[in-house]
Amino acid sequence: METKDEVVQAVVVILVERFALRAEEIQLESRFGDDLDLDSIDAIDFAVHVEEEHGLVLDEDDLKELRTVGDVVDVLYRKLEVSTRGAA
């Protein structure tokens, strides 16, 4: 994933495949609990899946930031940018 749009698509795919959500109901502003009906266990499962799938480590501070789909996209994009720059 190189662009923010690719990160958005990857997050949507995970939410659709892991939690049986419909892609059209997932917006950047969607809140995990209120809008997508995901609980804290789902959030942990989501984070673990993201870490495994993309080789990233989400620390406690990262996890505290994750309230909306857009928050996840921002954290992942930032982490991917850092890991890409670090590998160059």
N, C-alpha and C. Protein backbone atom coordinates (compact mmCIF):
# COMPACT_ATOMS: atom_id res chain seq x y z
N MET A 1 0.85 -1.17 0.00
CA MET A 1 0.00 0.00 0.00
C MET A 1 0.89 1.23 0.00
N GLU A 2 0.65 2.09 -0.95
CA GLU A 2 1.47 3.28 -1.05
C GLU A 2 0.67 4.56 -0.88
N THR A 3 -0.58 4.56 -1.31
CA THR A 3 -1.38 5.78 -1.21
C THR A 3 -2.41 5.64 -0.09
N LYS A 4 -2.92 6.78 0.32
CA LYS A 4 -3.94 6.77 1.37
C LYS A 4 -5.20 6.05 0.88
N ASP A 5 -5.53 6.20 -0.40
CA ASP A 5 -6.70 5.50 -0.97
C ASP A 5 -6.52 3.99 -0.87
N GLU A 6 -5.30 3.51 -1.08
CA GLU A 6 -5.03 2.07 -0.95
C GLU A 6 -5.19 1.62 0.50
N VAL A 7 -4.80 2.46 1.43
CA VAL A 7 -4.98 2.13 2.85
C VAL A 7 -6.47 2.07 3.17
N VAL A 8 -7.23 3.02 2.67
CA VAL A 8 -8.68 3.02 2.88
C VAL A 8 -9.28 1.72 2.36
N GLN A 9 -8.92 1.34 1.14
CA GLN A 9 -9.45 0.11 0.55
C GLN A 9 -9.08 -1.12 1.37
N ALA A 10 -7.85 -1.17 1.86
CA ALA A 10 -7.41 -2.32 2.67
C ALA A 10 -8.20 -2.40 3.96
N VAL A 11 -8.45 -1.26 4.59
CA VAL A 11 -9.23 -1.24 5.84
C VAL A 11 -10.66 -1.69 5.57
N VAL A 12 -11.25 -1.21 4.50
CA VAL A 12 -12.62 -1.61 4.15
C VAL A 12 -12.69 -3.12 3.90
N VAL A 13 -11.72 -3.66 3.18
CA VAL A 13 -11.69 -5.10 2.91
C VAL A 13 -11.64 -5.89 4.22
N ILE A 14 -10.81 -5.47 5.14
CA ILE A 14 -10.71 -6.17 6.42
C ILE A 14 -12.05 -6.12 7.16
N LEU A 15 -12.67 -4.95 7.20
CA LEU A 15 -13.95 -4.82 7.91
C LEU A 15 -15.05 -5.65 7.27
N VAL A 16 -15.05 -5.71 5.95
CA VAL A 16 -16.05 -6.51 5.24
C VAL A 16 -15.81 -8.00 5.49
N GLU A 17 -14.57 -8.44 5.32
CA GLU A 17 -14.27 -9.87 5.44
C GLU A 17 -14.33 -10.38 6.88
N ARG A 18 -13.83 -9.61 7.84
CA ARG A 18 -13.74 -10.09 9.22
C ARG A 18 -15.03 -9.89 10.01
N PHE A 19 -15.79 -8.85 9.66
CA PHE A 19 -16.94 -8.49 10.49
C PHE A 19 -18.26 -8.46 9.74
N ALA A 20 -18.26 -8.96 8.52
CA ALA A 20 -19.48 -9.07 7.71
C ALA A 20 -20.22 -7.75 7.56
N LEU A 21 -19.46 -6.67 7.46
CA LEU A 21 -20.06 -5.37 7.20
C LEU A 21 -20.20 -5.19 5.70
N ARG A 22 -21.09 -4.30 5.29
CA ARG A 22 -21.24 -3.98 3.87
C ARG A 22 -20.36 -2.77 3.57
N ALA A 23 -19.61 -2.85 2.48
CA ALA A 23 -18.67 -1.78 2.12
C ALA A 23 -19.36 -0.42 2.05
N GLU A 24 -20.57 -0.39 1.55
CA GLU A 24 -21.26 0.89 1.40
C GLU A 24 -21.63 1.54 2.73
N GLU A 25 -21.62 0.79 3.82
CA GLU A 25 -21.93 1.38 5.12
C GLU A 25 -20.67 1.88 5.84
N ILE A 26 -19.51 1.66 5.26
CA ILE A 26 -18.25 2.06 5.89
C ILE A 26 -17.78 3.38 5.29
N GLN A 27 -17.73 4.39 6.13
CA GLN A 27 -17.25 5.72 5.75
C GLN A 27 -16.07 6.08 6.64
N LEU A 28 -15.26 7.03 6.23
CA LEU A 28 -14.15 7.46 7.07
C LEU A 28 -14.63 7.98 8.42
N GLU A 29 -15.82 8.56 8.45
CA GLU A 29 -16.38 9.11 9.69
C GLU A 29 -17.05 8.04 10.56
N SER A 30 -17.21 6.84 10.04
CA SER A 30 -17.90 5.77 10.77
C SER A 30 -17.17 5.46 12.07
N ARG A 31 -17.92 5.50 13.18
CA ARG A 31 -17.36 5.17 14.48
C ARG A 31 -17.57 3.67 14.71
N PHE A 32 -16.55 3.03 15.24
CA PHE A 32 -16.60 1.57 15.39
C PHE A 32 -17.77 1.12 16.24
N GLY A 33 -17.97 1.71 17.39
CA GLY A 33 -19.04 1.27 18.28
C GLY A 33 -20.40 1.76 17.84
N ASP A 34 -20.53 3.07 17.65
CA ASP A 34 -21.82 3.68 17.37
C ASP A 34 -22.36 3.36 15.98
N ASP A 35 -21.51 3.42 14.96
CA ASP A 35 -21.98 3.27 13.59
C ASP A 35 -21.85 1.86 13.04
N LEU A 36 -20.77 1.17 13.43
CA LEU A 36 -20.50 -0.15 12.85
C LEU A 36 -20.84 -1.29 13.81
N ASP A 37 -21.24 -0.95 15.02
CA ASP A 37 -21.67 -1.92 16.03
C ASP A 37 -20.58 -2.94 16.37
N LEU A 38 -19.33 -2.45 16.45
CA LEU A 38 -18.21 -3.31 16.82
C LEU A 38 -17.84 -3.00 18.27
N ASP A 39 -17.57 -4.03 19.05
CA ASP A 39 -17.22 -3.83 20.45
C ASP A 39 -15.70 -3.86 20.64
N SER A 40 -15.25 -3.78 21.88
CA SER A 40 -13.82 -3.71 22.16
C SER A 40 -13.09 -4.98 21.75
N ILE A 41 -13.73 -6.13 21.85
CA ILE A 41 -13.12 -7.39 21.41
C ILE A 41 -12.92 -7.36 19.89
N ASP A 42 -13.92 -6.85 19.17
CA ASP A 42 -13.79 -6.71 17.73
C ASP A 42 -12.64 -5.77 17.38
N ALA A 43 -12.49 -4.70 18.14
CA ALA A 43 -11.41 -3.74 17.89
C ALA A 43 -10.05 -4.39 18.06
N ILE A 44 -9.91 -5.22 19.08
CA ILE A 44 -8.65 -5.94 19.30
C ILE A 44 -8.40 -6.91 18.16
N ASP A 45 -9.43 -7.66 17.77
CA ASP A 45 -9.30 -8.59 16.65
C ASP A 45 -8.89 -7.86 15.38
N PHE A 46 -9.50 -6.71 15.14
CA PHE A 46 -9.18 -5.89 13.98
C PHE A 46 -7.72 -5.46 14.02
N ALA A 47 -7.28 -4.95 15.17
CA ALA A 47 -5.89 -4.48 15.30
C ALA A 47 -4.89 -5.61 15.08
N VAL A 48 -5.16 -6.77 15.65
CA VAL A 48 -4.27 -7.92 15.49
C VAL A 48 -4.20 -8.32 14.02
N HIS A 49 -5.34 -8.33 13.36
CA HIS A 49 -5.37 -8.69 11.94
C HIS A 49 -4.56 -7.69 11.10
N VAL A 50 -4.72 -6.41 11.39
CA VAL A 50 -3.96 -5.38 10.67
C VAL A 50 -2.47 -5.58 10.88
N GLU A 51 -2.08 -5.84 12.12
CA GLU A 51 -0.66 -6.05 12.42
C GLU A 51 -0.10 -7.24 11.64
N GLU A 52 -0.83 -8.35 11.67
CA GLU A 52 -0.37 -9.56 10.98
C GLU A 52 -0.34 -9.38 9.47
N GLU A 53 -1.39 -8.79 8.94
CA GLU A 53 -1.51 -8.66 7.48
C GLU A 53 -0.49 -7.68 6.88
N HIS A 54 -0.15 -6.64 7.64
CA HIS A 54 0.69 -5.59 7.08
C HIS A 54 2.04 -5.46 7.76
N GLY A 55 2.34 -6.37 8.67
CA GLY A 55 3.65 -6.37 9.32
C GLY A 55 3.94 -5.13 10.13
N LEU A 56 2.89 -4.57 10.73
CA LEU A 56 3.03 -3.36 11.53
C LEU A 56 2.80 -3.69 13.00
N VAL A 57 3.31 -2.84 13.85
CA VAL A 57 3.04 -2.98 15.28
C VAL A 57 2.28 -1.75 15.73
N LEU A 58 1.09 -1.98 16.27
CA LEU A 58 0.29 -0.89 16.81
C LEU A 58 0.49 -0.87 18.31
N ASP A 59 1.06 0.21 18.83
CA ASP A 59 1.28 0.27 20.26
C ASP A 59 0.03 0.82 20.97
N GLU A 60 0.11 0.89 22.27
CA GLU A 60 -1.05 1.30 23.06
C GLU A 60 -1.53 2.70 22.69
N ASP A 61 -0.60 3.61 22.43
CA ASP A 61 -0.98 4.97 22.03
C ASP A 61 -1.73 4.97 20.70
N ASP A 62 -1.28 4.13 19.77
CA ASP A 62 -1.98 4.01 18.48
C ASP A 62 -3.41 3.53 18.70
N LEU A 63 -3.56 2.51 19.53
CA LEU A 63 -4.88 1.92 19.76
C LEU A 63 -5.83 2.91 20.42
N LYS A 64 -5.31 3.78 21.28
CA LYS A 64 -6.15 4.78 21.94
C LYS A 64 -6.72 5.78 20.95
N GLU A 65 -6.04 5.98 19.83
CA GLU A 65 -6.48 6.95 18.81
C GLU A 65 -7.63 6.42 17.95
N LEU A 66 -7.86 5.13 17.94
CA LEU A 66 -8.76 4.52 16.96
C LEU A 66 -10.22 4.59 17.40
N ARG A 67 -10.89 5.61 16.93
CA ARG A 67 -12.32 5.77 17.21
C ARG A 67 -13.16 5.60 15.94
N THR A 68 -12.58 6.04 14.81
CA THR A 68 -13.29 5.98 13.53
C THR A 68 -12.45 5.24 12.49
N VAL A 69 -13.08 4.90 11.40
CA VAL A 69 -12.36 4.27 10.29
C VAL A 69 -11.25 5.21 9.81
N GLY A 70 -11.53 6.49 9.75
CA GLY A 70 -10.53 7.47 9.34
C GLY A 70 -9.32 7.48 10.27
N ASP A 71 -9.56 7.29 11.58
CA ASP A 71 -8.45 7.22 12.53
C ASP A 71 -7.53 6.04 12.19
N VAL A 72 -8.12 4.91 11.87
CA VAL A 72 -7.34 3.73 11.51
C VAL A 72 -6.52 4.00 10.26
N VAL A 73 -7.15 4.59 9.27
CA VAL A 73 -6.47 4.90 8.02
C VAL A 73 -5.28 5.82 8.29
N ASP A 74 -5.49 6.85 9.11
CA ASP A 74 -4.41 7.80 9.40
C ASP A 74 -3.24 7.12 10.11
N VAL A 75 -3.54 6.30 11.12
CA VAL A 75 -2.47 5.62 11.87
C VAL A 75 -1.71 4.66 10.96
N LEU A 76 -2.44 3.87 10.17
CA LEU A 76 -1.78 2.92 9.27
C LEU A 76 -0.94 3.64 8.23
N TYR A 77 -1.48 4.69 7.65
CA TYR A 77 -0.74 5.43 6.63
C TYR A 77 0.54 6.01 7.23
N ARG A 78 0.44 6.58 8.40
CA ARG A 78 1.61 7.14 9.08
C ARG A 78 2.65 6.05 9.37
N LYS A 79 2.20 4.91 9.87
CA LYS A 79 3.12 3.79 10.16
C LYS A 79 3.77 3.27 8.88
N LEU A 80 2.99 3.15 7.82
CA LEU A 80 3.53 2.66 6.55
C LEU A 80 4.54 3.64 5.97
N GLU A 81 4.27 4.93 6.10
CA GLU A 81 5.22 5.95 5.63
C GLU A 81 6.54 5.83 6.38
N VAL A 82 6.46 5.67 7.68
CA VAL A 82 7.67 5.55 8.51
C VAL A 82 8.44 4.30 8.14
N SER A 83 7.73 3.17 7.99
CA SER A 83 8.43 1.92 7.68
C SER A 83 9.02 1.95 6.27
N THR A 84 8.36 2.63 5.34
CA THR A 84 8.87 2.75 3.98
C THR A 84 10.12 3.65 3.95
N ARG A 85 10.05 4.76 4.65
CA ARG A 85 11.20 5.66 4.71
C ARG A 85 12.36 4.99 5.42
N GLY A 86 12.06 4.22 6.46
CA GLY A 86 13.11 3.54 7.20
C GLY A 86 13.80 2.46 6.39
N ALA A 87 13.07 1.88 5.42
CA ALA A 87 13.63 0.81 4.59
C ALA A 87 14.43 1.37 3.42
N ALA A 88 14.24 2.64 3.12
CA ALA A 88 14.93 3.24 1.96
C ALA A 88 16.36 3.58 2.25
